[in-house]
């Protein structure tokens, strides 16, 4: 759970400045839902 939250926060922060290819930043943000 900690890894999922950390990667989620990382994805959210990256996405606010620069979207990654193939929505990878959103993918990281989604991990808590999985």
ModelCIF file with pLDDT and N, C-alpha, C, O atoms, coordinates in Angstrom:
data_MODEL
#
_entry.id   MODEL 
#
_entity.id                         1 
_entity.type                       polymer 
_entity.pdbx_number_of_molecules   1 
#
_entity_poly.entity_id                      1 
_entity_poly.type                           'polypeptide(L)' 
_entity_poly.nstd_linkage                   no 
_entity_poly.nstd_monomer                   no 
_entity_poly.pdbx_seq_one_letter_code       
;(UNK)(UNK)(UNK)(UNK)(UNK)(UNK)(UNK)(UNK)(UNK)(UNK)(UNK)(UNK)(UNK)(UNK)(UNK)(UNK)
(UNK)(UNK)(UNK)(UNK)(UNK)(UNK)(UNK)(UNK)(UNK)(UNK)(UNK)(UNK)(UNK)(UNK)(UNK)(UNK)
(UNK)(UNK)
;
_entity_poly.pdbx_seq_one_letter_code_can   XXXXXXXXXXXXXXXXXXXXXXXXXXXXXXXXXX 
_entity_poly.pdbx_strand_id                 A 
#
loop_
_entity_poly_seq.entity_id 
_entity_poly_seq.num 
_entity_poly_seq.mon_id 
_entity_poly_seq.hetero 
1 1  UNK n 
1 2  UNK n 
1 3  UNK n 
1 4  UNK n 
1 5  UNK n 
1 6  UNK n 
1 7  UNK n 
1 8  UNK n 
1 9  UNK n 
1 10 UNK n 
1 11 UNK n 
1 12 UNK n 
1 13 UNK n 
1 14 UNK n 
1 15 UNK n 
1 16 UNK n 
1 17 UNK n 
1 18 UNK n 
1 19 UNK n 
1 20 UNK n 
1 21 UNK n 
1 22 UNK n 
1 23 UNK n 
1 24 UNK n 
1 25 UNK n 
1 26 UNK n 
1 27 UNK n 
1 28 UNK n 
1 29 UNK n 
1 30 UNK n 
1 31 UNK n 
1 32 UNK n 
1 33 UNK n 
1 34 UNK n 
#
_struct_asym.id          A 
_struct_asym.entity_id   1 
#
loop_
_ma_qa_metric.id 
_ma_qa_metric.mode 
_ma_qa_metric.name 
_ma_qa_metric.software_group_id 
_ma_qa_metric.type 
1 global pLDDT . pLDDT 
2 local  pLDDT . pLDDT 
#
_ma_qa_metric_global.metric_id      1 
_ma_qa_metric_global.metric_value   93.44 
_ma_qa_metric_global.model_id       1 
_ma_qa_metric_global.ordinal_id     1 
#
loop_
_ma_qa_metric_local.label_asym_id 
_ma_qa_metric_local.label_comp_id 
_ma_qa_metric_local.label_seq_id 
_ma_qa_metric_local.metric_id 
_ma_qa_metric_local.metric_value 
_ma_qa_metric_local.model_id 
_ma_qa_metric_local.ordinal_id 
A UNK 1  2 96.00 1 1  
A UNK 2  2 97.00 1 2  
A UNK 3  2 97.00 1 3  
A UNK 4  2 97.00 1 4  
A UNK 5  2 97.00 1 5  
A UNK 6  2 97.00 1 6  
A UNK 7  2 97.00 1 7  
A UNK 8  2 97.00 1 8  
A UNK 9  2 97.00 1 9  
A UNK 10 2 97.00 1 10 
A UNK 11 2 96.00 1 11 
A UNK 12 2 96.00 1 12 
A UNK 13 2 95.00 1 13 
A UNK 14 2 94.00 1 14 
A UNK 15 2 90.00 1 15 
A UNK 16 2 89.00 1 16 
A UNK 17 2 87.00 1 17 
A UNK 18 2 84.00 1 18 
A UNK 19 2 86.00 1 19 
A UNK 20 2 87.00 1 20 
A UNK 21 2 85.00 1 21 
A UNK 22 2 85.00 1 22 
A UNK 23 2 87.00 1 23 
A UNK 24 2 92.00 1 24 
A UNK 25 2 93.00 1 25 
A UNK 26 2 93.00 1 26 
A UNK 27 2 94.00 1 27 
A UNK 28 2 96.00 1 28 
A UNK 29 2 96.00 1 29 
A UNK 30 2 95.00 1 30 
A UNK 31 2 97.00 1 31 
A UNK 32 2 97.00 1 32 
A UNK 33 2 97.00 1 33 
A UNK 34 2 97.00 1 34 
#
loop_
_atom_site.group_PDB 
_atom_site.id 
_atom_site.type_symbol 
_atom_site.label_atom_id 
_atom_site.label_alt_id 
_atom_site.label_comp_id 
_atom_site.label_asym_id 
_atom_site.label_entity_id 
_atom_site.label_seq_id 
_atom_site.pdbx_PDB_ins_code 
_atom_site.Cartn_x 
_atom_site.Cartn_y 
_atom_site.Cartn_z 
_atom_site.occupancy 
_atom_site.B_iso_or_equiv 
_atom_site.pdbx_formal_charge 
_atom_site.auth_seq_id 
_atom_site.auth_comp_id 
_atom_site.auth_asym_id 
_atom_site.auth_atom_id 
_atom_site.pdbx_PDB_model_num 
ATOM 1   N N  . UNK A 1 1  ? 0.809  -1.231 0.000   1.00 96.00 ? 1  UNK A N  1 
ATOM 2   C CA . UNK A 1 1  ? 0.000  0.000  0.000   1.00 96.00 ? 1  UNK A CA 1 
ATOM 3   C C  . UNK A 1 1  ? 0.832  1.266  0.000   1.00 96.00 ? 1  UNK A C  1 
ATOM 4   O O  . UNK A 1 1  ? 0.471  2.249  -0.647  1.00 96.00 ? 1  UNK A O  1 
ATOM 5   N N  . UNK A 1 2  ? 1.952  1.251  0.726   1.00 97.00 ? 2  UNK A N  1 
ATOM 6   C CA . UNK A 1 2  ? 2.826  2.424  0.768   1.00 97.00 ? 2  UNK A CA 1 
ATOM 7   C C  . UNK A 1 2  ? 3.446  2.683  -0.604  1.00 97.00 ? 2  UNK A C  1 
ATOM 8   O O  . UNK A 1 2  ? 3.541  3.829  -1.042  1.00 97.00 ? 2  UNK A O  1 
ATOM 9   N N  . UNK A 1 3  ? 3.868  1.608  -1.281  1.00 97.00 ? 3  UNK A N  1 
ATOM 10  C CA . UNK A 1 3  ? 4.449  1.751  -2.622  1.00 97.00 ? 3  UNK A CA 1 
ATOM 11  C C  . UNK A 1 3  ? 3.420  2.326  -3.588  1.00 97.00 ? 3  UNK A C  1 
ATOM 12  O O  . UNK A 1 3  ? 3.734  3.207  -4.388  1.00 97.00 ? 3  UNK A O  1 
ATOM 13  N N  . UNK A 1 4  ? 2.195  1.826  -3.508  1.00 97.00 ? 4  UNK A N  1 
ATOM 14  C CA . UNK A 1 4  ? 1.130  2.314  -4.406  1.00 97.00 ? 4  UNK A CA 1 
ATOM 15  C C  . UNK A 1 4  ? 0.849  3.792  -4.163  1.00 97.00 ? 4  UNK A C  1 
ATOM 16  O O  . UNK A 1 4  ? 0.680  4.553  -5.116  1.00 97.00 ? 4  UNK A O  1 
ATOM 17  N N  . UNK A 1 5  ? 0.797  4.205  -2.901  1.00 97.00 ? 5  UNK A N  1 
ATOM 18  C CA . UNK A 1 5  ? 0.529  5.611  -2.581  1.00 97.00 ? 5  UNK A CA 1 
ATOM 19  C C  . UNK A 1 5  ? 1.668  6.496  -3.055  1.00 97.00 ? 5  UNK A C  1 
ATOM 20  O O  . UNK A 1 5  ? 1.429  7.551  -3.643  1.00 97.00 ? 5  UNK A O  1 
ATOM 21  N N  . UNK A 1 6  ? 2.910  6.078  -2.805  1.00 97.00 ? 6  UNK A N  1 
ATOM 22  C CA . UNK A 1 6  ? 4.074  6.873  -3.213  1.00 97.00 ? 6  UNK A CA 1 
ATOM 23  C C  . UNK A 1 6  ? 4.108  7.030  -4.733  1.00 97.00 ? 6  UNK A C  1 
ATOM 24  O O  . UNK A 1 6  ? 4.337  8.127  -5.241  1.00 97.00 ? 6  UNK A O  1 
ATOM 25  N N  . UNK A 1 7  ? 3.883  5.940  -5.452  1.00 97.00 ? 7  UNK A N  1 
ATOM 26  C CA . UNK A 1 7  ? 3.887  6.014  -6.919  1.00 97.00 ? 7  UNK A CA 1 
ATOM 27  C C  . UNK A 1 7  ? 2.705  6.845  -7.428  1.00 97.00 ? 7  UNK A C  1 
ATOM 28  O O  . UNK A 1 7  ? 2.805  7.531  -8.445  1.00 97.00 ? 7  UNK A O  1 
ATOM 29  N N  . UNK A 1 8  ? 1.593  6.771  -6.707  1.00 97.00 ? 8  UNK A N  1 
ATOM 30  C CA . UNK A 1 8  ? 0.430  7.585  -7.079  1.00 97.00 ? 8  UNK A CA 1 
ATOM 31  C C  . UNK A 1 8  ? 0.739  9.071  -6.954  1.00 97.00 ? 8  UNK A C  1 
ATOM 32  O O  . UNK A 1 8  ? 0.444  9.854  -7.858  1.00 97.00 ? 8  UNK A O  1 
ATOM 33  N N  . UNK A 1 9  ? 1.331  9.450  -5.837  1.00 97.00 ? 9  UNK A N  1 
ATOM 34  C CA . UNK A 1 9  ? 1.702  10.857 -5.632  1.00 97.00 ? 9  UNK A CA 1 
ATOM 35  C C  . UNK A 1 9  ? 2.715  11.304 -6.672  1.00 97.00 ? 9  UNK A C  1 
ATOM 36  O O  . UNK A 1 9  ? 2.639  12.419 -7.188  1.00 97.00 ? 9  UNK A O  1 
ATOM 37  N N  . UNK A 1 10 ? 3.665  10.425 -6.976  1.00 97.00 ? 10 UNK A N  1 
ATOM 38  C CA . UNK A 1 10 ? 4.670  10.732 -7.996  1.00 97.00 ? 10 UNK A CA 1 
ATOM 39  C C  . UNK A 1 10 ? 3.998  10.966 -9.347  1.00 97.00 ? 10 UNK A C  1 
ATOM 40  O O  . UNK A 1 10 ? 4.326  11.929 -10.040 1.00 97.00 ? 10 UNK A O  1 
ATOM 41  N N  . UNK A 1 11 ? 3.067  10.100 -9.726  1.00 96.00 ? 11 UNK A N  1 
ATOM 42  C CA . UNK A 1 11 ? 2.361  10.254 -10.991 1.00 96.00 ? 11 UNK A CA 1 
ATOM 43  C C  . UNK A 1 11 ? 1.549  11.537 -11.046 1.00 96.00 ? 11 UNK A C  1 
ATOM 44  O O  . UNK A 1 11 ? 1.529  12.223 -12.068 1.00 96.00 ? 11 UNK A O  1 
ATOM 45  N N  . UNK A 1 12 ? 0.878  11.863 -9.945  1.00 96.00 ? 12 UNK A N  1 
ATOM 46  C CA . UNK A 1 12 ? 0.076  13.091 -9.889  1.00 96.00 ? 12 UNK A CA 1 
ATOM 47  C C  . UNK A 1 12 ? 0.966  14.318 -10.048 1.00 96.00 ? 12 UNK A C  1 
ATOM 48  O O  . UNK A 1 12 ? 0.641  15.233 -10.804 1.00 96.00 ? 12 UNK A O  1 
ATOM 49  N N  . UNK A 1 13 ? 2.087  14.332 -9.334  1.00 95.00 ? 13 UNK A N  1 
ATOM 50  C CA . UNK A 1 13 ? 2.998  15.491 -9.392  1.00 95.00 ? 13 UNK A CA 1 
ATOM 51  C C  . UNK A 1 13 ? 3.602  15.649 -10.783 1.00 95.00 ? 13 UNK A C  1 
ATOM 52  O O  . UNK A 1 13 ? 3.664  16.760 -11.307 1.00 95.00 ? 13 UNK A O  1 
ATOM 53  N N  . UNK A 1 14 ? 4.041  14.561 -11.376 1.00 94.00 ? 14 UNK A N  1 
ATOM 54  C CA . UNK A 1 14 ? 4.625  14.639 -12.719 1.00 94.00 ? 14 UNK A CA 1 
ATOM 55  C C  . UNK A 1 14 ? 3.589  15.134 -13.719 1.00 94.00 ? 14 UNK A C  1 
ATOM 56  O O  . UNK A 1 14 ? 3.891  15.967 -14.574 1.00 94.00 ? 14 UNK A O  1 
ATOM 57  N N  . UNK A 1 15 ? 2.357  14.616 -13.608 1.00 90.00 ? 15 UNK A N  1 
ATOM 58  C CA . UNK A 1 15 ? 1.310  14.969 -14.559 1.00 90.00 ? 15 UNK A CA 1 
ATOM 59  C C  . UNK A 1 15 ? 0.918  16.429 -14.525 1.00 90.00 ? 15 UNK A C  1 
ATOM 60  O O  . UNK A 1 15 ? 0.414  16.955 -15.517 1.00 90.00 ? 15 UNK A O  1 
ATOM 61  N N  . UNK A 1 16 ? 1.141  17.101 -13.395 1.00 89.00 ? 16 UNK A N  1 
ATOM 62  C CA . UNK A 1 16 ? 0.814  18.525 -13.307 1.00 89.00 ? 16 UNK A CA 1 
ATOM 63  C C  . UNK A 1 16 ? 1.785  19.388 -14.123 1.00 89.00 ? 16 UNK A C  1 
ATOM 64  O O  . UNK A 1 16 ? 1.460  20.518 -14.487 1.00 89.00 ? 16 UNK A O  1 
ATOM 65  N N  . UNK A 1 17 ? 2.966  18.855 -14.405 1.00 87.00 ? 17 UNK A N  1 
ATOM 66  C CA . UNK A 1 17 ? 3.979  19.624 -15.126 1.00 87.00 ? 17 UNK A CA 1 
ATOM 67  C C  . UNK A 1 17 ? 4.216  19.105 -16.546 1.00 87.00 ? 17 UNK A C  1 
ATOM 68  O O  . UNK A 1 17 ? 4.404  19.886 -17.479 1.00 87.00 ? 17 UNK A O  1 
ATOM 69  N N  . UNK A 1 18 ? 4.206  17.772 -16.697 1.00 84.00 ? 18 UNK A N  1 
ATOM 70  C CA . UNK A 1 18 ? 4.466  17.229 -18.023 1.00 84.00 ? 18 UNK A CA 1 
ATOM 71  C C  . UNK A 1 18 ? 3.854  15.840 -18.166 1.00 84.00 ? 18 UNK A C  1 
ATOM 72  O O  . UNK A 1 18 ? 4.319  14.899 -17.523 1.00 84.00 ? 18 UNK A O  1 
ATOM 73  N N  . UNK A 1 19 ? 2.826  15.690 -18.993 1.00 86.00 ? 19 UNK A N  1 
ATOM 74  C CA . UNK A 1 19 ? 2.255  14.360 -19.221 1.00 86.00 ? 19 UNK A CA 1 
ATOM 75  C C  . UNK A 1 19 ? 3.299  13.407 -19.794 1.00 86.00 ? 19 UNK A C  1 
ATOM 76  O O  . UNK A 1 19 ? 4.111  13.791 -20.635 1.00 86.00 ? 19 UNK A O  1 
ATOM 77  N N  . UNK A 1 20 ? 3.268  12.168 -19.331 1.00 87.00 ? 20 UNK A N  1 
ATOM 78  C CA . UNK A 1 20 ? 4.196  11.160 -19.828 1.00 87.00 ? 20 UNK A CA 1 
ATOM 79  C C  . UNK A 1 20 ? 3.574  10.391 -20.987 1.00 87.00 ? 20 UNK A C  1 
ATOM 80  O O  . UNK A 1 20 ? 2.351  10.370 -21.132 1.00 87.00 ? 20 UNK A O  1 
ATOM 81  N N  . UNK A 1 21 ? 4.406  9.759  -21.813 1.00 85.00 ? 21 UNK A N  1 
ATOM 82  C CA . UNK A 1 21 ? 3.871  8.968  -22.939 1.00 85.00 ? 21 UNK A CA 1 
ATOM 83  C C  . UNK A 1 21 ? 2.908  7.883  -22.458 1.00 85.00 ? 21 UNK A C  1 
ATOM 84  O O  . UNK A 1 21 ? 3.094  7.296  -21.392 1.00 85.00 ? 21 UNK A O  1 
ATOM 85  N N  . UNK A 1 22 ? 1.875  7.631  -23.265 1.00 85.00 ? 22 UNK A N  1 
ATOM 86  C CA . UNK A 1 22 ? 0.891  6.585  -23.014 1.00 85.00 ? 22 UNK A CA 1 
ATOM 87  C C  . UNK A 1 22 ? 0.246  6.701  -21.624 1.00 85.00 ? 22 UNK A C  1 
ATOM 88  O O  . UNK A 1 22 ? -0.071 5.701  -20.979 1.00 85.00 ? 22 UNK A O  1 
ATOM 89  N N  . UNK A 1 23 ? 0.064  7.953  -21.188 1.00 87.00 ? 23 UNK A N  1 
ATOM 90  C CA . UNK A 1 23 ? -0.633 8.231  -19.915 1.00 87.00 ? 23 UNK A CA 1 
ATOM 91  C C  . UNK A 1 23 ? 0.043  7.558  -18.726 1.00 87.00 ? 23 UNK A C  1 
ATOM 92  O O  . UNK A 1 23 ? -0.630 7.180  -17.768 1.00 87.00 ? 23 UNK A O  1 
ATOM 93  N N  . UNK A 1 24 ? 1.366  7.402  -18.775 1.00 92.00 ? 24 UNK A N  1 
ATOM 94  C CA . UNK A 1 24 ? 2.051  6.664  -17.719 1.00 92.00 ? 24 UNK A CA 1 
ATOM 95  C C  . UNK A 1 24 ? 1.917  7.365  -16.369 1.00 92.00 ? 24 UNK A C  1 
ATOM 96  O O  . UNK A 1 24 ? 1.849  6.700  -15.335 1.00 92.00 ? 24 UNK A O  1 
ATOM 97  N N  . UNK A 1 25 ? 1.877  8.704  -16.364 1.00 93.00 ? 25 UNK A N  1 
ATOM 98  C CA . UNK A 1 25 ? 1.695  9.409  -15.096 1.00 93.00 ? 25 UNK A CA 1 
ATOM 99  C C  . UNK A 1 25 ? 0.322  9.113  -14.499 1.00 93.00 ? 25 UNK A C  1 
ATOM 100 O O  . UNK A 1 25 ? 0.199  8.956  -13.284 1.00 93.00 ? 25 UNK A O  1 
ATOM 101 N N  . UNK A 1 26 ? -0.715 9.036  -15.341 1.00 93.00 ? 26 UNK A N  1 
ATOM 102 C CA . UNK A 1 26 ? -2.056 8.672  -14.859 1.00 93.00 ? 26 UNK A CA 1 
ATOM 103 C C  . UNK A 1 26 ? -2.055 7.226  -14.371 1.00 93.00 ? 26 UNK A C  1 
ATOM 104 O O  . UNK A 1 26 ? -2.706 6.898  -13.379 1.00 93.00 ? 26 UNK A O  1 
ATOM 105 N N  . UNK A 1 27 ? -1.326 6.372  -15.068 1.00 94.00 ? 27 UNK A N  1 
ATOM 106 C CA . UNK A 1 27 ? -1.236 4.969  -14.672 1.00 94.00 ? 27 UNK A CA 1 
ATOM 107 C C  . UNK A 1 27 ? -0.680 4.841  -13.268 1.00 94.00 ? 27 UNK A C  1 
ATOM 108 O O  . UNK A 1 27 ? -1.205 4.073  -12.462 1.00 94.00 ? 27 UNK A O  1 
ATOM 109 N N  . UNK A 1 28 ? 0.391  5.593  -12.958 1.00 96.00 ? 28 UNK A N  1 
ATOM 110 C CA . UNK A 1 28 ? 0.938  5.586  -11.595 1.00 96.00 ? 28 UNK A CA 1 
ATOM 111 C C  . UNK A 1 28 ? -0.107 6.090  -10.599 1.00 96.00 ? 28 UNK A C  1 
ATOM 112 O O  . UNK A 1 28 ? -0.255 5.545  -9.506  1.00 96.00 ? 28 UNK A O  1 
ATOM 113 N N  . UNK A 1 29 ? -0.825 7.138  -10.996 1.00 96.00 ? 29 UNK A N  1 
ATOM 114 C CA . UNK A 1 29 ? -1.834 7.719  -10.107 1.00 96.00 ? 29 UNK A CA 1 
ATOM 115 C C  . UNK A 1 29 ? -2.951 6.738  -9.789  1.00 96.00 ? 29 UNK A C  1 
ATOM 116 O O  . UNK A 1 29 ? -3.593 6.844  -8.745  1.00 96.00 ? 29 UNK A O  1 
ATOM 117 N N  . UNK A 1 30 ? -3.188 5.781  -10.684 1.00 95.00 ? 30 UNK A N  1 
ATOM 118 C CA . UNK A 1 30 ? -4.287 4.820  -10.525 1.00 95.00 ? 30 UNK A CA 1 
ATOM 119 C C  . UNK A 1 30 ? -3.986 3.684  -9.558  1.00 95.00 ? 30 UNK A C  1 
ATOM 120 O O  . UNK A 1 30 ? -4.909 2.994  -9.127  1.00 95.00 ? 30 UNK A O  1 
ATOM 121 N N  . UNK A 1 31 ? -2.742 3.471  -9.210  1.00 97.00 ? 31 UNK A N  1 
ATOM 122 C CA . UNK A 1 31 ? -2.355 2.263  -8.478  1.00 97.00 ? 31 UNK A CA 1 
ATOM 123 C C  . UNK A 1 31 ? -3.130 2.035  -7.174  1.00 97.00 ? 31 UNK A C  1 
ATOM 124 O O  . UNK A 1 31 ? -3.445 0.884  -6.869  1.00 97.00 ? 31 UNK A O  1 
ATOM 125 N N  . UNK A 1 32 ? -3.454 3.076  -6.388  1.00 97.00 ? 32 UNK A N  1 
ATOM 126 C CA . UNK A 1 32 ? -4.257 2.816  -5.180  1.00 97.00 ? 32 UNK A CA 1 
ATOM 127 C C  . UNK A 1 32 ? -5.617 2.186  -5.482  1.00 97.00 ? 32 UNK A C  1 
ATOM 128 O O  . UNK A 1 32 ? -6.135 1.419  -4.671  1.00 97.00 ? 32 UNK A O  1 
ATOM 129 N N  . UNK A 1 33 ? -6.189 2.498  -6.627  1.00 97.00 ? 33 UNK A N  1 
ATOM 130 C CA . UNK A 1 33 ? -7.485 1.913  -6.968  1.00 97.00 ? 33 UNK A CA 1 
ATOM 131 C C  . UNK A 1 33 ? -7.362 0.410  -7.220  1.00 97.00 ? 33 UNK A C  1 
ATOM 132 O O  . UNK A 1 33 ? -8.243 -0.360 -6.839  1.00 97.00 ? 33 UNK A O  1 
ATOM 133 N N  . UNK A 1 34 ? -6.272 -0.002 -7.860  1.00 97.00 ? 34 UNK A N  1 
ATOM 134 C CA . UNK A 1 34 ? -6.056 -1.432 -8.055  1.00 97.00 ? 34 UNK A CA 1 
ATOM 135 C C  . UNK A 1 34 ? -5.827 -2.134 -6.718  1.00 97.00 ? 34 UNK A C  1 
ATOM 136 O O  . UNK A 1 34 ? -5.626 -3.348 -6.684  1.00 97.00 ? 34 UNK A O  1 
#
